[in-house]
Amino acid sequence: MNYPDDCLQCLANNWWEKVESKELTRGALVYAHVQFFSEIPIELVPTRDDPYNHDSVVIKAKPLSARSSQPASVLPVAAFPRLAGADCYLVNRAKRRPCVVIGEIQRSPISKSLIRGMSNHQTAPFVAIAPYYGVEQQARSGYNPEFVERI
């Protein structure tokens, strides 16, 4: 098939062909939890119901506001460490969706001595993916056919 130059299919060789290799390559189809970024994130505010006990916690969920911060009088919870006013715990909705790998993965070995003591999120491999969303209009999903045609 011939795909337009601006389609993701042009980035991958052997589009939609099953490959037995477990290594991710550009054009591979994977499943990932894709967050709904259009929604307001929810902040989790943990507090202790008993000031002498770390075995239980009360968690309140509220919409995140840039102006709000946890009051200084709230007792810290061991399972939820945080820097007062500097960080918070967020919850976002996500849905498991098919995605296509759009970034070629090229990993050069990194010496353990170079990353010793660093956080895993700073040194973990990164893969660029694009979620697949269907356009067929159904009861609650999809897009207006005129909108799809215009795009």
C-alpha atoms as a PDB file:
ATOM      1  CA  MET A   1       0.000   0.000   0.000  1.00  0.00           C
ATOM      2  CA  ASN A   2       1.045   3.579  -0.569  1.00  0.00           C
ATOM      3  CA  TYR A   3       0.553   5.834   2.426  1.00  0.00           C
ATOM      4  CA  PRO A   4       0.679   9.665   2.346  1.00  0.00           C
ATOM      5  CA  ASP A   5       4.029  11.171   3.382  1.00  0.00           C
ATOM      6  CA  ASP A   6       2.549  12.682   6.546  1.00  0.00           C
ATOM      7  CA  CYS A   7       1.275   9.352   7.967  1.00  0.00           C
ATOM      8  CA  LEU A   8       3.005   7.391  10.714  1.00  0.00           C
ATOM      9  CA  GLN A   9       2.992   4.338   8.446  1.00  0.00           C
ATOM     10  CA  CYS A  10       5.738   5.993   6.352  1.00  0.00           C
ATOM     11  CA  LEU A  11       8.112   5.930   9.339  1.00  0.00           C
ATOM     12  CA  ALA A  12       8.205   2.157   9.608  1.00  0.00           C
ATOM     13  CA  ASN A  13       9.309  -0.614   7.324  1.00  0.00           C
ATOM     14  CA  ASN A  14       7.063  -3.687   7.065  1.00  0.00           C
ATOM     15  CA  TRP A  15       4.050  -1.898   8.500  1.00  0.00           C
ATOM     16  CA  TRP A  16       1.694  -4.154  10.487  1.00  0.00           C
ATOM     17  CA  GLU A  17       3.719  -7.300   9.985  1.00  0.00           C
ATOM     18  CA  LYS A  18       4.181  -9.570  12.974  1.00  0.00           C
ATOM     19  CA  VAL A  19       7.772  -9.753  14.196  1.00  0.00           C
ATOM     20  CA  GLU A  20       8.889 -12.516  16.558  1.00  0.00           C
ATOM     21  CA  SER A  21      11.582 -10.356  18.190  1.00  0.00           C
ATOM     22  CA  LYS A  22      10.754  -8.902  21.617  1.00  0.00           C
ATOM     23  CA  GLU A  23      12.914  -5.826  20.950  1.00  0.00           C
ATOM     24  CA  LEU A  24      11.053  -2.597  20.340  1.00  0.00           C
ATOM     25  CA  THR A  25      11.599  -1.010  16.954  1.00  0.00           C
ATOM     26  CA  ARG A  26      10.021   1.924  15.178  1.00  0.00           C
ATOM     27  CA  GLY A  27       6.596   0.895  13.920  1.00  0.00           C
ATOM     28  CA  ALA A  28       6.074  -1.761  16.597  1.00  0.00           C
ATOM     29  CA  LEU A  29       2.620  -1.957  18.121  1.00  0.00           C
ATOM     30  CA  VAL A  30       2.492  -1.945  21.911  1.00  0.00           C
ATOM     31  CA  TYR A  31      -0.127  -1.462  24.603  1.00  0.00           C
ATOM     32  CA  ALA A  32       0.363   1.331  27.129  1.00  0.00           C
ATOM     33  CA  HIS A  33      -1.696   3.218  29.670  1.00  0.00           C
ATOM     34  CA  VAL A  34      -2.310   6.621  28.096  1.00  0.00           C
ATOM     35  CA  GLN A  35      -3.315   9.430  30.448  1.00  0.00           C
ATOM     36  CA  PHE A  36      -6.226  11.776  29.865  1.00  0.00           C
ATOM     37  CA  PHE A  37      -4.348  15.073  30.034  1.00  0.00           C
ATOM     38  CA  SER A  38      -7.377  17.195  29.231  1.00  0.00           C
ATOM     39  CA  GLU A  39      -8.825  16.563  32.662  1.00  0.00           C
ATOM     40  CA  ILE A  40      -7.894  18.417  35.826  1.00  0.00           C
ATOM     41  CA  PRO A  41      -5.349  16.318  37.756  1.00  0.00           C
ATOM     42  CA  ILE A  42      -6.356  15.093  41.183  1.00  0.00           C
ATOM     43  CA  GLU A  43      -4.045  15.694  44.134  1.00  0.00           C
ATOM     44  CA  LEU A  44      -3.818  13.091  46.887  1.00  0.00           C
ATOM     45  CA  VAL A  45      -3.466  14.585  50.350  1.00  0.00           C
ATOM     46  CA  PRO A  46      -2.445  11.948  52.897  1.00  0.00           C
ATOM     47  CA  THR A  47      -3.001  12.606  56.601  1.00  0.00           C
ATOM     48  CA  ARG A  48      -2.751  10.466  59.712  1.00  0.00           C
ATOM     49  CA  ASP A  49      -5.932   9.837  61.632  1.00  0.00           C
ATOM     50  CA  ASP A  50      -3.884   8.818  64.688  1.00  0.00           C
ATOM     51  CA  PRO A  51      -0.830  11.005  65.391  1.00  0.00           C
ATOM     52  CA  TYR A  52       0.977   8.112  67.093  1.00  0.00           C
ATOM     53  CA  ASN A  53       0.388   5.457  64.450  1.00  0.00           C
ATOM     54  CA  HIS A  54       1.832   5.098  60.938  1.00  0.00           C
ATOM     55  CA  ASP A  55      -0.141   1.913  60.203  1.00  0.00           C
ATOM     56  CA  SER A  56      -3.112   3.727  58.690  1.00  0.00           C
ATOM     57  CA  VAL A  57      -3.604   6.830  56.603  1.00  0.00           C
ATOM     58  CA  VAL A  58      -6.530   8.898  55.415  1.00  0.00           C
ATOM     59  CA  ILE A  59      -6.184  10.056  51.824  1.00  0.00           C
ATOM     60  CA  LYS A  60      -8.274  12.894  50.486  1.00  0.00           C
ATOM     61  CA  ALA A  61      -8.524  13.506  46.755  1.00  0.00           C
ATOM     62  CA  LYS A  62      -9.046  17.056  45.523  1.00  0.00           C
ATOM     63  CA  PRO A  63      -8.510  18.944  42.265  1.00  0.00           C
ATOM     64  CA  LEU A  64      -4.948  20.224  41.980  1.00  0.00           C
ATOM     65  CA  SER A  65      -4.531  23.958  42.330  1.00  0.00           C
ATOM     66  CA  ALA A  66      -1.276  25.837  41.810  1.00  0.00           C
ATOM     67  CA  ARG A  67      -2.156  28.045  44.772  1.00  0.00           C
ATOM     68  CA  SER A  68      -2.912  25.309  47.283  1.00  0.00           C
ATOM     69  CA  SER A  69      -0.345  23.626  49.450  1.00  0.00           C
ATOM     70  CA  GLN A  70      -0.499  21.267  52.374  1.00  0.00           C
ATOM     71  CA  PRO A  71      -0.756  23.205  55.642  1.00  0.00           C
ATOM     72  CA  ALA A  72       2.273  23.013  57.927  1.00  0.00           C
ATOM     73  CA  SER A  73       0.125  21.604  60.738  1.00  0.00           C
ATOM     74  CA  VAL A  74      -0.541  18.329  58.899  1.00  0.00           C
ATOM     75  CA  LEU A  75       1.448  15.436  60.347  1.00  0.00           C
ATOM     76  CA  PRO A  76       3.697  13.713  57.798  1.00  0.00           C
ATOM     77  CA  VAL A  77       2.963  10.160  56.699  1.00  0.00           C
ATOM     78  CA  ALA A  78       5.944   7.812  56.426  1.00  0.00           C
ATOM     79  CA  ALA A  79       4.612   6.096  53.296  1.00  0.00           C
ATOM     80  CA  PHE A  80       4.133   9.460  51.518  1.00  0.00           C
ATOM     81  CA  PRO A  81       7.314  11.497  51.992  1.00  0.00           C
ATOM     82  CA  ARG A  82       7.249  14.987  50.525  1.00  0.00           C
ATOM     83  CA  LEU A  83       8.900  18.357  50.621  1.00  0.00           C
ATOM     84  CA  ALA A  84       6.447  20.848  52.101  1.00  0.00           C
ATOM     85  CA  GLY A  85       5.078  23.062  49.353  1.00  0.00           C
ATOM     86  CA  ALA A  86       7.477  21.677  46.755  1.00  0.00           C
ATOM     87  CA  ASP A  87       5.853  18.473  45.593  1.00  0.00           C
ATOM     88  CA  CYS A  88       2.568  16.625  45.728  1.00  0.00           C
ATOM     89  CA  TYR A  89       0.995  13.327  44.686  1.00  0.00           C
ATOM     90  CA  LEU A  90      -1.103  13.390  41.517  1.00  0.00           C
ATOM     91  CA  VAL A  91      -3.595  10.929  40.140  1.00  0.00           C
ATOM     92  CA  ASN A  92      -4.635  10.976  36.497  1.00  0.00           C
ATOM     93  CA  ARG A  93      -7.115   8.780  34.664  1.00  0.00           C
ATOM     94  CA  ALA A  94      -5.606   6.545  32.022  1.00  0.00           C
ATOM     95  CA  LYS A  95      -6.827   3.986  29.546  1.00  0.00           C
ATOM     96  CA  ARG A  96      -4.960   1.016  28.115  1.00  0.00           C
ATOM     97  CA  ARG A  97      -4.633   1.695  24.385  1.00  0.00           C
ATOM     98  CA  PRO A  98      -2.748   0.364  21.394  1.00  0.00           C
ATOM     99  CA  CYS A  99       0.211   2.594  20.524  1.00  0.00           C
ATOM    100  CA  VAL A 100       2.793   2.696  17.773  1.00  0.00           C
ATOM    101  CA  VAL A 101       6.482   3.179  18.588  1.00  0.00           C
ATOM    102  CA  ILE A 102       7.614   6.273  16.682  1.00  0.00           C
ATOM    103  CA  GLY A 103      11.125   6.663  18.091  1.00  0.00           C
ATOM    104  CA  GLU A 104      13.952   4.377  17.077  1.00  0.00           C
ATOM    105  CA  ILE A 105      15.521   2.816  20.139  1.00  0.00           C
ATOM    106  CA  GLN A 106      19.282   3.036  20.169  1.00  0.00           C
ATOM    107  CA  ARG A 107      20.805   2.151  23.500  1.00  0.00           C
ATOM    108  CA  SER A 108      24.485   2.402  24.039  1.00  0.00           C
ATOM    109  CA  PRO A 109      25.736   0.642  27.155  1.00  0.00           C
ATOM    110  CA  ILE A 110      26.186   2.971  30.117  1.00  0.00           C
ATOM    111  CA  SER A 111      28.771   2.124  32.708  1.00  0.00           C
ATOM    112  CA  LYS A 112      27.229   1.423  36.115  1.00  0.00           C
ATOM    113  CA  SER A 113      29.816   3.725  37.696  1.00  0.00           C
ATOM    114  CA  LEU A 114      28.355   6.684  35.769  1.00  0.00           C
ATOM    115  CA  ILE A 115      24.795   6.185  37.025  1.00  0.00           C
ATOM    116  CA  ARG A 116      25.457   4.902  40.547  1.00  0.00           C
ATOM    117  CA  GLY A 117      23.319   6.758  43.078  1.00  0.00           C
ATOM    118  CA  MET A 118      21.059   8.368  40.447  1.00  0.00           C
ATOM    119  CA  SER A 119      17.287   7.978  40.442  1.00  0.00           C
ATOM    120  CA  ASN A 120      15.931   5.341  38.077  1.00  0.00           C
ATOM    121  CA  HIS A 121      13.678   7.886  36.334  1.00  0.00           C
ATOM    122  CA  GLN A 122      16.796   9.813  35.272  1.00  0.00           C
ATOM    123  CA  THR A 123      18.537   6.837  33.657  1.00  0.00           C
ATOM    124  CA  ALA A 124      15.711   4.532  32.541  1.00  0.00           C
ATOM    125  CA  PRO A 125      15.326   3.956  28.788  1.00  0.00           C
ATOM    126  CA  PHE A 126      12.747   6.136  27.053  1.00  0.00           C
ATOM    127  CA  VAL A 127      10.538   5.115  24.144  1.00  0.00           C
ATOM    128  CA  ALA A 128       8.475   7.645  22.162  1.00  0.00           C
ATOM    129  CA  ILE A 129       5.042   6.265  21.331  1.00  0.00           C
ATOM    130  CA  ALA A 130       1.867   7.629  19.748  1.00  0.00           C
ATOM    131  CA  PRO A 131      -1.486   6.345  21.003  1.00  0.00           C
ATOM    132  CA  TYR A 132      -4.004   5.104  18.483  1.00  0.00           C
ATOM    133  CA  TYR A 133      -7.470   6.616  18.670  1.00  0.00           C
ATOM    134  CA  GLY A 134     -10.225   5.431  16.388  1.00  0.00           C
ATOM    135  CA  VAL A 135     -12.181   8.045  14.453  1.00  0.00           C
ATOM    136  CA  GLU A 136     -15.393   6.094  13.897  1.00  0.00           C
ATOM    137  CA  GLN A 137     -18.228   7.983  15.577  1.00  0.00           C
ATOM    138  CA  GLN A 138     -20.172   5.876  18.053  1.00  0.00           C
ATOM    139  CA  ALA A 139     -22.484   6.676  20.946  1.00  0.00           C
ATOM    140  CA  ARG A 140     -19.861   8.362  23.167  1.00  0.00           C
ATOM    141  CA  SER A 141     -16.638   8.236  21.178  1.00  0.00           C
ATOM    142  CA  GLY A 142     -15.142   9.021  17.820  1.00  0.00           C
ATOM    143  CA  TYR A 143     -15.163  12.204  15.811  1.00  0.00           C
ATOM    144  CA  ASN A 144     -17.570  14.036  13.573  1.00  0.00           C
ATOM    145  CA  PRO A 145     -16.922  12.768   9.991  1.00  0.00           C
ATOM    146  CA  GLU A 146     -16.749  16.362   8.686  1.00  0.00           C
ATOM    147  CA  PHE A 147     -14.057  17.149  11.262  1.00  0.00           C
ATOM    148  CA  VAL A 148     -12.065  14.053  10.218  1.00  0.00           C
ATOM    149  CA  GLU A 149     -12.366  15.019   6.531  1.00  0.00           C
ATOM    150  CA  ARG A 150     -11.112  18.542   7.233  1.00  0.00           C
ATOM    151  CA  ILE A 151      -8.057  17.218   9.070  1.00  0.00           C
END
